[in-house]
Amino acid sequence: MKNTNGESKNPELDELVQRIGYASKALNAAAGEATRRIEAFEENLIGAEPGISVWGDILLSEKASFQSDEGGPVQSVERVVTLGFDKLKKDKWGLAVREELKGQGGTLHEEVTLLRKADRTVRILAIAHLEALGQQILKTLEGHVGLLESTRQEPSPQANEQASAAAHAEA
């Protein structure tokens, strides 16, 4: 609180508020940089058109409280936030986070949102996991390519029967 001269009556609180301001500015700057990196990676990834959904690392797991929309008692739950690449609303692909609230009876609530729209803590945490997610997407795609190539190289059972019949006919 300040007196009429603009001087604070509590210098300790003033210092605390000033430190809070510095910490907030540092976090906001880190979140802004994280968002720029996320958007650049997402744009490049969408341009590559992987067309597959992949869920990777858990970014955050913490205790939380949950109350259903219908009311009822407040429950102690585990909030689990997972990083992924998925098709979201309006059939648009993007880097995503899945937030699950897990209670004793399983998942009580689940929501998937774009990573770039997530809260700043989640965006900052995600930066360290983007490369691993990219590796998971690549591994999944390469698995699909390998499967495609193996089906092209292996003759179908019908083709095997026809080849066997032709060989018997020649003999």
N, C-alpha and C. Protein backbone atom coordinates (compact mmCIF):
# COMPACT_ATOMS: atom_id res chain seq x y z
N MET A 1 0.83 -1.16 0.00
CA MET A 1 0.00 0.00 0.00
C MET A 1 0.89 1.23 0.00
N LYS A 2 0.51 2.24 -0.78
CA LYS A 2 1.32 3.46 -0.85
C LYS A 2 0.64 4.59 -0.10
N ASN A 3 1.46 5.45 0.48
CA ASN A 3 0.89 6.61 1.15
C ASN A 3 0.67 7.73 0.12
N THR A 4 0.26 8.88 0.55
CA THR A 4 -0.08 9.97 -0.37
C THR A 4 1.13 10.49 -1.13
N ASN A 5 2.33 10.22 -0.68
CA ASN A 5 3.55 10.66 -1.38
C ASN A 5 4.00 9.65 -2.42
N GLY A 6 3.27 8.52 -2.59
CA GLY A 6 3.65 7.50 -3.55
C GLY A 6 4.67 6.51 -3.00
N GLU A 7 5.03 6.65 -1.75
CA GLU A 7 5.97 5.74 -1.12
C GLU A 7 5.21 4.57 -0.51
N SER A 8 5.79 3.40 -0.57
CA SER A 8 5.15 2.20 -0.05
C SER A 8 5.30 2.14 1.46
N LYS A 9 4.27 1.60 2.08
CA LYS A 9 4.34 1.38 3.53
C LYS A 9 4.98 0.05 3.84
N ASN A 10 5.17 -0.80 2.79
CA ASN A 10 5.71 -2.13 3.03
C ASN A 10 6.75 -2.46 1.95
N PRO A 11 8.00 -2.09 2.17
CA PRO A 11 9.04 -2.34 1.16
C PRO A 11 9.25 -3.82 0.86
N GLU A 12 9.00 -4.70 1.83
CA GLU A 12 9.16 -6.13 1.59
C GLU A 12 8.17 -6.62 0.53
N LEU A 13 6.93 -6.15 0.63
CA LEU A 13 5.93 -6.53 -0.38
C LEU A 13 6.26 -5.94 -1.74
N ASP A 14 6.78 -4.72 -1.74
CA ASP A 14 7.17 -4.10 -3.01
C ASP A 14 8.26 -4.91 -3.69
N GLU A 15 9.24 -5.35 -2.93
CA GLU A 15 10.32 -6.16 -3.48
C GLU A 15 9.78 -7.50 -3.99
N LEU A 16 8.86 -8.10 -3.24
CA LEU A 16 8.25 -9.36 -3.64
C LEU A 16 7.51 -9.20 -4.97
N VAL A 17 6.71 -8.15 -5.08
CA VAL A 17 5.97 -7.90 -6.32
C VAL A 17 6.94 -7.64 -7.48
N GLN A 18 8.01 -6.95 -7.23
CA GLN A 18 8.99 -6.69 -8.27
C GLN A 18 9.63 -8.00 -8.74
N ARG A 19 9.98 -8.88 -7.81
CA ARG A 19 10.56 -10.17 -8.18
C ARG A 19 9.56 -11.03 -8.94
N ILE A 20 8.29 -10.97 -8.53
CA ILE A 20 7.24 -11.69 -9.26
C ILE A 20 7.16 -11.17 -10.69
N GLY A 21 7.24 -9.88 -10.85
CA GLY A 21 7.22 -9.28 -12.19
C GLY A 21 8.38 -9.76 -13.05
N TYR A 22 9.57 -9.82 -12.49
CA TYR A 22 10.74 -10.30 -13.24
C TYR A 22 10.57 -11.77 -13.65
N ALA A 23 10.11 -12.59 -12.70
CA ALA A 23 9.92 -14.01 -13.00
C ALA A 23 8.85 -14.19 -14.07
N SER A 24 7.77 -13.44 -13.99
CA SER A 24 6.70 -13.53 -14.99
C SER A 24 7.20 -13.13 -16.37
N LYS A 25 7.99 -12.07 -16.43
CA LYS A 25 8.55 -11.63 -17.72
C LYS A 25 9.45 -12.71 -18.32
N ALA A 26 10.25 -13.35 -17.48
CA ALA A 26 11.15 -14.41 -17.97
C ALA A 26 10.34 -15.59 -18.50
N LEU A 27 9.29 -16.00 -17.77
CA LEU A 27 8.45 -17.10 -18.23
C LEU A 27 7.69 -16.74 -19.50
N ASN A 28 7.18 -15.53 -19.57
CA ASN A 28 6.46 -15.10 -20.78
C ASN A 28 7.38 -15.06 -21.99
N ALA A 29 8.62 -14.64 -21.80
CA ALA A 29 9.58 -14.63 -22.90
C ALA A 29 9.89 -16.06 -23.35
N ALA A 30 10.08 -16.97 -22.39
CA ALA A 30 10.34 -18.37 -22.72
C ALA A 30 9.14 -18.98 -23.43
N ALA A 31 7.94 -18.66 -22.98
CA ALA A 31 6.73 -19.19 -23.63
C ALA A 31 6.58 -18.64 -25.04
N GLY A 32 6.91 -17.37 -25.24
CA GLY A 32 6.85 -16.79 -26.58
C GLY A 32 7.82 -17.47 -27.53
N GLU A 33 9.03 -17.72 -27.06
CA GLU A 33 10.02 -18.43 -27.88
C GLU A 33 9.57 -19.86 -28.14
N ALA A 34 9.01 -20.51 -27.13
CA ALA A 34 8.51 -21.88 -27.31
C ALA A 34 7.41 -21.90 -28.37
N THR A 35 6.51 -20.95 -28.32
CA THR A 35 5.42 -20.89 -29.29
C THR A 35 5.97 -20.71 -30.71
N ARG A 36 6.96 -19.87 -30.88
CA ARG A 36 7.55 -19.67 -32.21
C ARG A 36 8.17 -20.98 -32.72
N ARG A 37 8.88 -21.68 -31.86
CA ARG A 37 9.50 -22.95 -32.27
C ARG A 37 8.44 -24.02 -32.56
N ILE A 38 7.42 -24.07 -31.74
CA ILE A 38 6.32 -25.02 -31.94
C ILE A 38 5.64 -24.76 -33.27
N GLU A 39 5.30 -23.51 -33.55
CA GLU A 39 4.61 -23.17 -34.79
C GLU A 39 5.46 -23.49 -36.01
N ALA A 40 6.77 -23.23 -35.94
CA ALA A 40 7.66 -23.52 -37.07
C ALA A 40 7.73 -25.03 -37.32
N PHE A 41 7.91 -25.81 -36.26
CA PHE A 41 7.97 -27.26 -36.40
C PHE A 41 6.65 -27.81 -36.91
N GLU A 42 5.55 -27.32 -36.37
CA GLU A 42 4.23 -27.77 -36.77
C GLU A 42 3.98 -27.47 -38.26
N GLU A 43 4.35 -26.29 -38.70
CA GLU A 43 4.17 -25.92 -40.11
C GLU A 43 4.96 -26.86 -41.02
N ASN A 44 6.20 -27.13 -40.67
CA ASN A 44 7.03 -28.05 -41.47
C ASN A 44 6.47 -29.47 -41.44
N LEU A 45 6.01 -29.89 -40.30
CA LEU A 45 5.46 -31.24 -40.15
C LEU A 45 4.17 -31.39 -40.97
N ILE A 46 3.30 -30.42 -40.89
CA ILE A 46 2.06 -30.46 -41.68
C ILE A 46 2.39 -30.46 -43.17
N GLY A 47 3.40 -29.69 -43.57
CA GLY A 47 3.83 -29.65 -44.96
C GLY A 47 4.34 -30.99 -45.44
N ALA A 48 4.90 -31.80 -44.55
CA ALA A 48 5.39 -33.13 -44.92
C ALA A 48 4.25 -34.13 -45.07
N GLU A 49 3.07 -33.78 -44.60
CA GLU A 49 1.86 -34.59 -44.72
C GLU A 49 2.00 -36.04 -44.22
N PRO A 50 2.40 -36.23 -42.96
CA PRO A 50 2.52 -37.61 -42.48
C PRO A 50 1.17 -38.33 -42.42
N GLY A 51 0.10 -37.62 -42.11
CA GLY A 51 -1.23 -38.22 -42.12
C GLY A 51 -1.46 -39.34 -41.13
N ILE A 52 -0.70 -39.35 -40.04
CA ILE A 52 -0.88 -40.38 -39.01
C ILE A 52 -0.94 -39.71 -37.64
N SER A 53 -1.63 -40.34 -36.74
CA SER A 53 -1.73 -39.87 -35.37
C SER A 53 -0.70 -40.60 -34.53
N VAL A 54 0.10 -39.84 -33.79
CA VAL A 54 1.14 -40.42 -32.94
C VAL A 54 1.12 -39.69 -31.60
N TRP A 55 1.07 -40.46 -30.53
CA TRP A 55 1.16 -39.88 -29.19
C TRP A 55 2.46 -40.32 -28.56
N GLY A 56 3.17 -39.35 -27.99
CA GLY A 56 4.50 -39.63 -27.47
C GLY A 56 4.62 -39.44 -25.98
N ASP A 57 5.58 -38.62 -25.61
CA ASP A 57 5.98 -38.45 -24.21
C ASP A 57 4.91 -37.79 -23.35
N ILE A 58 4.91 -38.19 -22.09
CA ILE A 58 4.10 -37.51 -21.08
C ILE A 58 4.89 -36.27 -20.68
N LEU A 59 4.27 -35.11 -20.84
CA LEU A 59 4.93 -33.86 -20.49
C LEU A 59 4.77 -33.52 -19.02
N LEU A 60 3.65 -33.94 -18.46
CA LEU A 60 3.34 -33.52 -17.10
C LEU A 60 2.41 -34.55 -16.46
N SER A 61 2.70 -34.88 -15.24
CA SER A 61 1.82 -35.75 -14.45
C SER A 61 1.81 -35.17 -13.05
N GLU A 62 0.62 -34.75 -12.61
CA GLU A 62 0.54 -34.09 -11.31
C GLU A 62 -0.81 -34.36 -10.67
N LYS A 63 -0.88 -34.16 -9.37
CA LYS A 63 -2.13 -34.30 -8.63
C LYS A 63 -3.00 -33.08 -8.94
N ALA A 64 -4.32 -33.32 -9.02
CA ALA A 64 -5.27 -32.25 -9.28
C ALA A 64 -6.60 -32.61 -8.63
N SER A 65 -7.55 -31.71 -8.73
CA SER A 65 -8.91 -31.94 -8.24
C SER A 65 -9.86 -31.89 -9.42
N PHE A 66 -10.94 -32.65 -9.34
CA PHE A 66 -11.92 -32.70 -10.42
C PHE A 66 -13.32 -32.80 -9.84
N GLN A 67 -14.22 -32.03 -10.44
CA GLN A 67 -15.63 -32.14 -10.12
C GLN A 67 -16.39 -32.20 -11.43
N SER A 68 -17.24 -33.18 -11.59
CA SER A 68 -17.96 -33.34 -12.85
C SER A 68 -18.89 -32.17 -13.09
N ASP A 69 -19.30 -32.00 -14.35
CA ASP A 69 -20.22 -30.92 -14.72
C ASP A 69 -21.55 -31.05 -14.00
N GLU A 70 -21.92 -32.26 -13.64
CA GLU A 70 -23.18 -32.50 -12.94
C GLU A 70 -23.08 -32.17 -11.45
N GLY A 71 -21.96 -31.74 -11.01
CA GLY A 71 -21.76 -31.47 -9.59
C GLY A 71 -21.12 -32.67 -8.93
N GLY A 72 -21.59 -33.02 -7.79
CA GLY A 72 -21.02 -34.16 -7.09
C GLY A 72 -19.79 -33.75 -6.31
N PRO A 73 -19.20 -34.73 -5.64
CA PRO A 73 -18.05 -34.41 -4.79
C PRO A 73 -16.79 -34.11 -5.62
N VAL A 74 -15.93 -33.33 -5.06
CA VAL A 74 -14.63 -33.06 -5.67
C VAL A 74 -13.76 -34.28 -5.45
N GLN A 75 -13.11 -34.74 -6.54
CA GLN A 75 -12.29 -35.94 -6.46
C GLN A 75 -10.81 -35.59 -6.65
N SER A 76 -9.97 -36.33 -5.99
CA SER A 76 -8.54 -36.22 -6.20
C SER A 76 -8.21 -37.05 -7.43
N VAL A 77 -7.52 -36.45 -8.40
CA VAL A 77 -7.20 -37.12 -9.65
C VAL A 77 -5.75 -36.88 -10.02
N GLU A 78 -5.31 -37.59 -11.03
CA GLU A 78 -3.99 -37.36 -11.61
C GLU A 78 -4.21 -36.68 -12.96
N ARG A 79 -3.58 -35.55 -13.17
CA ARG A 79 -3.63 -34.84 -14.44
C ARG A 79 -2.42 -35.29 -15.25
N VAL A 80 -2.69 -35.88 -16.42
CA VAL A 80 -1.62 -36.38 -17.28
C VAL A 80 -1.72 -35.65 -18.61
N VAL A 81 -0.63 -34.99 -19.02
CA VAL A 81 -0.60 -34.25 -20.27
C VAL A 81 0.42 -34.91 -21.19
N THR A 82 -0.05 -35.34 -22.38
CA THR A 82 0.77 -36.08 -23.33
C THR A 82 0.92 -35.29 -24.61
N LEU A 83 2.12 -35.33 -25.19
CA LEU A 83 2.41 -34.64 -26.46
C LEU A 83 2.14 -35.57 -27.63
N GLY A 84 1.60 -35.02 -28.70
CA GLY A 84 1.35 -35.84 -29.88
C GLY A 84 1.15 -35.02 -31.14
N PHE A 85 0.87 -35.76 -32.21
CA PHE A 85 0.51 -35.17 -33.50
C PHE A 85 -0.78 -35.85 -33.89
N ASP A 86 -1.83 -35.06 -34.12
CA ASP A 86 -3.15 -35.66 -34.29
C ASP A 86 -4.03 -34.76 -35.17
N LYS A 87 -5.11 -35.36 -35.65
CA LYS A 87 -6.11 -34.61 -36.38
C LYS A 87 -7.09 -34.06 -35.36
N LEU A 88 -7.23 -32.75 -35.38
CA LEU A 88 -8.12 -32.10 -34.41
C LEU A 88 -9.38 -31.59 -35.11
N LYS A 89 -10.00 -30.64 -34.53
CA LYS A 89 -11.24 -30.09 -35.04
C LYS A 89 -11.11 -29.68 -36.50
N LYS A 90 -12.19 -29.83 -37.20
CA LYS A 90 -12.28 -29.43 -38.61
C LYS A 90 -11.25 -30.16 -39.47
N ASP A 91 -10.91 -31.37 -39.08
CA ASP A 91 -10.00 -32.21 -39.86
C ASP A 91 -8.65 -31.57 -40.14
N LYS A 92 -8.13 -30.80 -39.21
CA LYS A 92 -6.82 -30.19 -39.37
C LYS A 92 -5.82 -30.90 -38.46
N TRP A 93 -4.66 -31.21 -39.05
CA TRP A 93 -3.59 -31.86 -38.30
C TRP A 93 -2.79 -30.81 -37.55
N GLY A 94 -2.18 -31.23 -36.44
CA GLY A 94 -1.32 -30.32 -35.71
C GLY A 94 -0.66 -30.99 -34.52
N LEU A 95 0.33 -30.29 -33.98
CA LEU A 95 0.94 -30.72 -32.73
C LEU A 95 -0.12 -30.52 -31.65
N ALA A 96 -0.28 -31.52 -30.83
CA ALA A 96 -1.39 -31.50 -29.87
C ALA A 96 -0.95 -31.94 -28.50
N VAL A 97 -1.76 -31.60 -27.52
CA VAL A 97 -1.61 -32.12 -26.17
C VAL A 97 -2.94 -32.74 -25.76
N ARG A 98 -2.83 -33.90 -25.15
CA ARG A 98 -4.00 -34.59 -24.61
C ARG A 98 -3.91 -34.51 -23.09
N GLU A 99 -4.92 -33.90 -22.51
CA GLU A 99 -4.97 -33.78 -21.06
C GLU A 99 -6.02 -34.75 -20.54
N GLU A 100 -5.57 -35.65 -19.69
CA GLU A 100 -6.47 -36.64 -19.10
C GLU A 100 -6.50 -36.43 -17.59
N LEU A 101 -7.70 -36.52 -17.04
CA LEU A 101 -7.85 -36.51 -15.60
C LEU A 101 -8.25 -37.92 -15.20
N LYS A 102 -7.35 -38.59 -14.48
CA LYS A 102 -7.54 -40.00 -14.15
C LYS A 102 -7.84 -40.14 -12.66
N GLY A 103 -8.95 -40.84 -12.41
CA GLY A 103 -9.35 -41.12 -11.03
C GLY A 103 -9.33 -42.61 -10.78
N GLN A 104 -9.93 -43.02 -9.69
CA GLN A 104 -9.94 -44.43 -9.33
C GLN A 104 -10.68 -45.27 -10.35
N GLY A 105 -11.69 -44.70 -11.00
CA GLY A 105 -12.47 -45.45 -11.97
C GLY A 105 -11.97 -45.32 -13.39
N GLY A 106 -10.77 -44.82 -13.58
CA GLY A 106 -10.23 -44.64 -14.93
C GLY A 106 -10.22 -43.18 -15.33
N THR A 107 -10.26 -42.92 -16.64
CA THR A 107 -10.22 -41.55 -17.14
C THR A 107 -11.58 -40.89 -16.94
N LEU A 108 -11.59 -39.79 -16.21
CA LEU A 108 -12.82 -39.06 -15.91
C LEU A 108 -13.09 -37.95 -16.92
N HIS A 109 -12.02 -37.44 -17.51
CA HIS A 109 -12.15 -36.34 -18.47
C HIS A 109 -10.94 -36.39 -19.40
N GLU A 110 -11.17 -36.12 -20.67
CA GLU A 110 -10.08 -36.07 -21.64
C GLU A 110 -10.36 -34.93 -22.61
N GLU A 111 -9.30 -34.17 -22.92
CA GLU A 111 -9.43 -33.07 -23.85
C GLU A 111 -8.16 -32.99 -24.69
N VAL A 112 -8.33 -32.83 -26.00
CA VAL A 112 -7.19 -32.69 -26.90
C VAL A 112 -7.24 -31.28 -27.49
N THR A 113 -6.11 -30.56 -27.39
CA THR A 113 -6.03 -29.21 -27.92
C THR A 113 -4.71 -29.04 -28.68
N LEU A 114 -4.65 -27.99 -29.47
CA LEU A 114 -3.41 -27.66 -30.15
C LEU A 114 -2.34 -27.26 -29.13
N LEU A 115 -1.14 -27.73 -29.34
CA LEU A 115 -0.04 -27.41 -28.44
C LEU A 115 0.19 -25.90 -28.37
N ARG A 116 0.11 -25.23 -29.51
CA ARG A 116 0.39 -23.79 -29.52
C ARG A 116 -0.64 -23.00 -28.73
N LYS A 117 -1.78 -23.62 -28.41
CA LYS A 117 -2.83 -22.95 -27.63
C LYS A 117 -2.79 -23.37 -26.15
N ALA A 118 -1.89 -24.27 -25.81
CA ALA A 118 -1.80 -24.78 -24.44
C ALA A 118 -1.22 -23.71 -23.51
N ASP A 119 -1.36 -23.94 -22.21
CA ASP A 119 -0.82 -22.96 -21.27
C ASP A 119 0.70 -22.92 -21.38
N ARG A 120 1.27 -21.83 -20.91
CA ARG A 120 2.70 -21.58 -21.14
C ARG A 120 3.60 -22.66 -20.55
N THR A 121 3.24 -23.21 -19.41
CA THR A 121 4.07 -24.25 -18.80
C THR A 121 4.17 -25.46 -19.72
N VAL A 122 3.04 -25.87 -20.28
CA VAL A 122 3.02 -27.03 -21.18
C VAL A 122 3.83 -26.73 -22.44
N ARG A 123 3.69 -25.54 -23.01
CA ARG A 123 4.46 -25.18 -24.21
C ARG A 123 5.96 -25.21 -23.93
N ILE A 124 6.35 -24.67 -22.80
CA ILE A 124 7.77 -24.66 -22.44
C ILE A 124 8.28 -26.08 -22.24
N LEU A 125 7.51 -26.91 -21.54
CA LEU A 125 7.92 -28.31 -21.32
C LEU A 125 8.01 -29.09 -22.63
N ALA A 126 7.15 -28.79 -23.59
CA ALA A 126 7.09 -29.54 -24.84
C ALA A 126 8.32 -29.37 -25.71
N ILE A 127 8.98 -28.25 -25.62
CA ILE A 127 10.13 -27.97 -26.49
C ILE A 127 11.17 -29.08 -26.43
N ALA A 128 11.46 -29.56 -25.26
CA ALA A 128 12.48 -30.61 -25.10
C ALA A 128 12.04 -31.95 -25.68
N HIS A 129 10.76 -32.10 -26.04
CA HIS A 129 10.24 -33.38 -26.51
C HIS A 129 9.87 -33.38 -28.00
N LEU A 130 10.03 -32.26 -28.68
CA LEU A 130 9.63 -32.18 -30.08
C LEU A 130 10.44 -33.11 -30.98
N GLU A 131 11.73 -33.19 -30.77
CA GLU A 131 12.56 -34.06 -31.60
C GLU A 131 12.17 -35.53 -31.40
N ALA A 132 11.93 -35.92 -30.16
CA ALA A 132 11.52 -37.30 -29.90
C ALA A 132 10.20 -37.61 -30.58
N LEU A 133 9.27 -36.67 -30.57
CA LEU A 133 7.99 -36.87 -31.26
C LEU A 133 8.23 -37.00 -32.76
N GLY A 134 9.08 -36.16 -33.31
CA GLY A 134 9.42 -36.27 -34.73
C GLY A 134 10.01 -37.64 -35.06
N GLN A 135 10.87 -38.15 -34.19
CA GLN A 135 11.46 -39.49 -34.38
C GLN A 135 10.37 -40.57 -34.34
N GLN A 136 9.41 -40.42 -33.44
CA GLN A 136 8.32 -41.40 -33.34
C GLN A 136 7.46 -41.38 -34.61
N ILE A 137 7.21 -40.19 -35.13
CA ILE A 137 6.43 -40.07 -36.36
C ILE A 137 7.17 -40.75 -37.50
N LEU A 138 8.47 -40.48 -37.61
CA LEU A 138 9.29 -41.08 -38.66
C LEU A 138 9.30 -42.60 -38.53
N LYS A 139 9.50 -43.10 -37.33
CA LYS A 139 9.53 -44.55 -37.10
C LYS A 139 8.21 -45.19 -37.51
N THR A 140 7.11 -44.56 -37.15
CA THR A 140 5.79 -45.08 -37.51
C THR A 140 5.61 -45.07 -39.02
N LEU A 141 5.98 -43.98 -39.67
CA LEU A 141 5.86 -43.89 -41.13
C LEU A 141 6.73 -44.93 -41.82
N GLU A 142 7.96 -45.09 -41.34
CA GLU A 142 8.86 -46.09 -41.93
C GLU A 142 8.30 -47.49 -41.75
N GLY A 143 7.63 -47.74 -40.63
CA GLY A 143 6.98 -49.03 -40.42
C GLY A 143 5.87 -49.25 -41.44
N HIS A 144 5.11 -48.21 -41.73
CA HIS A 144 4.06 -48.31 -42.74
C HIS A 144 4.64 -48.55 -44.13
N VAL A 145 5.74 -47.85 -44.44
CA VAL A 145 6.40 -48.02 -45.73
C VAL A 145 6.93 -49.45 -45.85
N GLY A 146 7.54 -49.95 -44.80
CA GLY A 146 8.05 -51.33 -44.81
C GLY A 146 6.94 -52.34 -45.02
N LEU A 147 5.81 -52.11 -44.38
CA LEU A 147 4.66 -53.00 -44.56
C LEU A 147 4.16 -52.94 -46.00
N LEU A 148 4.10 -51.76 -46.55
CA LEU A 148 3.66 -51.59 -47.93
C LEU A 148 4.61 -52.32 -48.88
N GLU A 149 5.91 -52.15 -48.66
CA GLU A 149 6.90 -52.81 -49.53
C GLU A 149 6.83 -54.33 -49.40
N SER A 150 6.60 -54.83 -48.19
CA SER A 150 6.54 -56.28 -48.02
C SER A 150 5.30 -56.86 -48.69
N THR A 151 4.21 -56.12 -48.69
CA THR A 151 3.00 -56.63 -49.37
C THR A 151 3.17 -56.59 -50.88
N ARG A 152 3.98 -55.69 -51.37
CA ARG A 152 4.23 -55.62 -52.81
C ARG A 152 5.15 -56.75 -53.27
N GLN A 153 6.07 -57.16 -52.40
CA GLN A 153 7.05 -58.18 -52.76
C GLN A 153 6.51 -59.59 -52.59
N GLU A 154 5.61 -59.77 -51.64
CA GLU A 154 5.06 -61.11 -51.39
C GLU A 154 3.85 -61.33 -52.29
N PRO A 155 3.89 -62.39 -53.09
CA PRO A 155 2.71 -62.67 -53.91
C PRO A 155 1.53 -63.04 -53.04
N SER A 156 0.36 -62.73 -53.50
CA SER A 156 -0.85 -63.05 -52.75
C SER A 156 -1.05 -64.56 -52.75
N PRO A 157 -1.82 -65.10 -51.80
CA PRO A 157 -2.11 -66.55 -51.79
C PRO A 157 -2.74 -67.01 -53.10
N GLN A 158 -3.57 -66.17 -53.69
CA GLN A 158 -4.20 -66.51 -54.96
C GLN A 158 -3.15 -66.63 -56.07
N ALA A 159 -2.18 -65.70 -56.07
CA ALA A 159 -1.12 -65.75 -57.08
C ALA A 159 -0.27 -67.00 -56.88
N ASN A 160 -0.01 -67.38 -55.61
CA ASN A 160 0.75 -68.60 -55.33
C ASN A 160 0.03 -69.84 -55.86
N GLU A 161 -1.30 -69.89 -55.69
CA GLU A 161 -2.09 -71.03 -56.18
C GLU A 161 -2.04 -71.09 -57.71
N GLN A 162 -2.13 -69.94 -58.35
CA GLN A 162 -2.10 -69.91 -59.81
C GLN A 162 -0.74 -70.36 -60.33
N ALA A 163 0.33 -69.93 -59.67
CA ALA A 163 1.67 -70.33 -60.08
C ALA A 163 1.86 -71.83 -59.88
N SER A 164 1.35 -72.36 -58.76
CA SER A 164 1.45 -73.79 -58.50
C SER A 164 0.66 -74.59 -59.52
N ALA A 165 -0.54 -74.12 -59.86
CA ALA A 165 -1.36 -74.80 -60.86
C ALA A 165 -0.68 -74.80 -62.22
N ALA A 166 -0.06 -73.66 -62.56
CA ALA A 166 0.64 -73.56 -63.85
C ALA A 166 1.82 -74.49 -63.88
N ALA A 167 2.54 -74.62 -62.77
CA ALA A 167 3.69 -75.51 -62.71
C ALA A 167 3.25 -76.96 -62.86
N HIS A 168 2.14 -77.33 -62.24
CA HIS A 168 1.62 -78.70 -62.36
C HIS A 168 1.13 -78.97 -63.77
N ALA A 169 0.60 -77.99 -64.43
CA ALA A 169 0.08 -78.16 -65.78
C ALA A 169 1.22 -78.41 -66.76
N GLU A 170 2.37 -77.77 -66.50
CA GLU A 170 3.53 -77.93 -67.38
C GLU A 170 4.16 -79.29 -67.19
N ALA A 171 4.04 -79.86 -66.01
CA ALA A 171 4.71 -81.13 -65.71
C ALA A 171 4.05 -82.31 -66.31
